[in-house]
Each structure stands twice: as structure tokens, then as C-alpha cells.
N, C-alpha and C. Protein backbone atom coordinates (compact mmCIF):
# COMPACT_ATOMS: atom_id res chain seq x y z
N MET A 1 -28.55 3.16 8.19
CA MET A 1 -27.88 2.92 6.92
C MET A 1 -26.59 3.76 6.85
N ARG A 2 -26.72 5.02 7.18
CA ARG A 2 -25.56 5.89 7.09
C ARG A 2 -24.46 5.44 8.06
N VAL A 3 -24.87 5.08 9.27
CA VAL A 3 -23.89 4.66 10.28
C VAL A 3 -23.17 3.40 9.82
N ASN A 4 -23.93 2.44 9.31
CA ASN A 4 -23.32 1.19 8.83
C ASN A 4 -22.34 1.48 7.70
N TYR A 5 -22.72 2.38 6.81
CA TYR A 5 -21.84 2.70 5.69
C TYR A 5 -20.56 3.36 6.19
N ALA A 6 -20.71 4.23 7.18
CA ALA A 6 -19.53 4.92 7.73
C ALA A 6 -18.59 3.90 8.37
N GLU A 7 -19.16 2.98 9.14
CA GLU A 7 -18.32 1.96 9.79
C GLU A 7 -17.62 1.10 8.74
N LYS A 8 -18.37 0.72 7.72
CA LYS A 8 -17.79 -0.11 6.66
C LYS A 8 -16.68 0.67 5.95
N GLY A 9 -16.93 1.96 5.70
CA GLY A 9 -15.93 2.78 5.03
C GLY A 9 -14.66 2.89 5.87
N THR A 10 -14.83 3.07 7.17
CA THR A 10 -13.66 3.18 8.05
C THR A 10 -12.86 1.88 8.01
N PHE A 11 -13.56 0.77 8.08
CA PHE A 11 -12.89 -0.54 8.07
C PHE A 11 -12.12 -0.73 6.76
N ASN A 12 -12.78 -0.40 5.65
CA ASN A 12 -12.14 -0.56 4.35
C ASN A 12 -10.93 0.36 4.22
N ALA A 13 -11.05 1.57 4.75
CA ALA A 13 -9.95 2.53 4.68
C ALA A 13 -8.76 1.99 5.47
N GLU A 14 -9.03 1.44 6.64
CA GLU A 14 -7.94 0.89 7.47
C GLU A 14 -7.28 -0.28 6.75
N LYS A 15 -8.11 -1.14 6.18
CA LYS A 15 -7.59 -2.31 5.46
C LYS A 15 -6.77 -1.85 4.26
N ALA A 16 -7.28 -0.87 3.55
CA ALA A 16 -6.57 -0.36 2.38
C ALA A 16 -5.25 0.28 2.79
N ALA A 17 -5.27 1.00 3.90
CA ALA A 17 -4.04 1.66 4.38
C ALA A 17 -2.98 0.62 4.70
N ARG A 18 -3.39 -0.45 5.38
CA ARG A 18 -2.43 -1.51 5.72
C ARG A 18 -1.89 -2.16 4.45
N GLY A 19 -2.77 -2.39 3.49
CA GLY A 19 -2.34 -2.98 2.23
C GLY A 19 -1.37 -2.07 1.51
N LEU A 20 -1.65 -0.75 1.55
CA LEU A 20 -0.77 0.22 0.90
C LEU A 20 0.60 0.20 1.55
N ILE A 21 0.64 0.13 2.88
CA ILE A 21 1.91 0.11 3.60
C ILE A 21 2.72 -1.11 3.19
N GLU A 22 2.06 -2.26 3.13
CA GLU A 22 2.75 -3.49 2.73
C GLU A 22 3.26 -3.37 1.30
N LEU A 23 2.42 -2.84 0.42
CA LEU A 23 2.81 -2.67 -0.98
C LEU A 23 4.00 -1.74 -1.08
N THR A 24 3.95 -0.62 -0.35
CA THR A 24 5.04 0.35 -0.38
C THR A 24 6.34 -0.29 0.07
N ASN A 25 6.28 -1.09 1.12
CA ASN A 25 7.48 -1.77 1.62
C ASN A 25 8.03 -2.72 0.56
N LYS A 26 7.15 -3.45 -0.11
CA LYS A 26 7.59 -4.38 -1.16
C LYS A 26 8.24 -3.61 -2.30
N ILE A 27 7.61 -2.50 -2.71
CA ILE A 27 8.13 -1.69 -3.81
C ILE A 27 9.50 -1.12 -3.44
N LYS A 28 9.62 -0.64 -2.21
CA LYS A 28 10.91 -0.08 -1.76
C LYS A 28 12.00 -1.14 -1.82
N LYS A 29 11.68 -2.35 -1.38
CA LYS A 29 12.67 -3.43 -1.38
C LYS A 29 13.09 -3.77 -2.81
N SER A 30 12.13 -3.91 -3.72
CA SER A 30 12.46 -4.26 -5.09
C SER A 30 13.17 -3.11 -5.78
N ASN A 31 12.85 -1.87 -5.42
CA ASN A 31 13.53 -0.72 -6.00
C ASN A 31 14.98 -0.69 -5.56
N ASP A 32 15.23 -1.05 -4.30
CA ASP A 32 16.61 -1.10 -3.80
C ASP A 32 17.41 -2.13 -4.60
N LYS A 33 16.81 -3.27 -4.89
CA LYS A 33 17.49 -4.31 -5.68
C LYS A 33 17.78 -3.78 -7.08
N ASP A 34 16.81 -3.09 -7.68
CA ASP A 34 16.97 -2.58 -9.03
C ASP A 34 18.07 -1.51 -9.08
N LYS A 35 18.13 -0.67 -8.05
CA LYS A 35 19.13 0.40 -8.03
C LYS A 35 20.54 -0.18 -8.01
N LYS A 36 20.72 -1.31 -7.32
CA LYS A 36 22.04 -1.94 -7.26
C LYS A 36 22.41 -2.51 -8.63
N GLY A 37 21.44 -3.14 -9.29
CA GLY A 37 21.70 -3.76 -10.58
C GLY A 37 21.67 -2.75 -11.71
N ASN A 38 20.50 -2.29 -12.08
CA ASN A 38 20.36 -1.34 -13.18
C ASN A 38 19.41 -0.22 -12.76
N ASP A 39 19.50 0.90 -13.44
CA ASP A 39 18.63 2.03 -13.10
C ASP A 39 17.26 1.83 -13.74
N LYS A 40 16.30 1.41 -12.92
CA LYS A 40 14.94 1.19 -13.42
C LYS A 40 14.04 2.28 -12.90
N VAL A 41 13.17 2.80 -13.76
CA VAL A 41 12.20 3.80 -13.33
C VAL A 41 10.86 3.12 -13.16
N SER A 42 10.31 3.19 -11.95
CA SER A 42 9.04 2.51 -11.71
C SER A 42 7.88 3.40 -12.10
């Protein structure tokens, strides 16, 4: 049980990390657009 949970946790962490990276990239791109137009605080 513990081993399965650890494996599942590792997988979820990796998936979450990839999702975070994609989200961060999207936020950076939209922030760059906002900085050119108006000063928006996210």
C-alpha cells in the first residue's frame, strides 16, 4: 500500500510540475502582453 501510494504521489507530482511549468509559461506570455498595453498586477 505504501509503495503504491509513493509511486502514485511521484507520478502526480511530476504531472503537477509539468502543468505548473505550462501555466507559468502562459502567465508570462500574457503578462508580457499586459505590460506593453497597460500595467496590470496579477
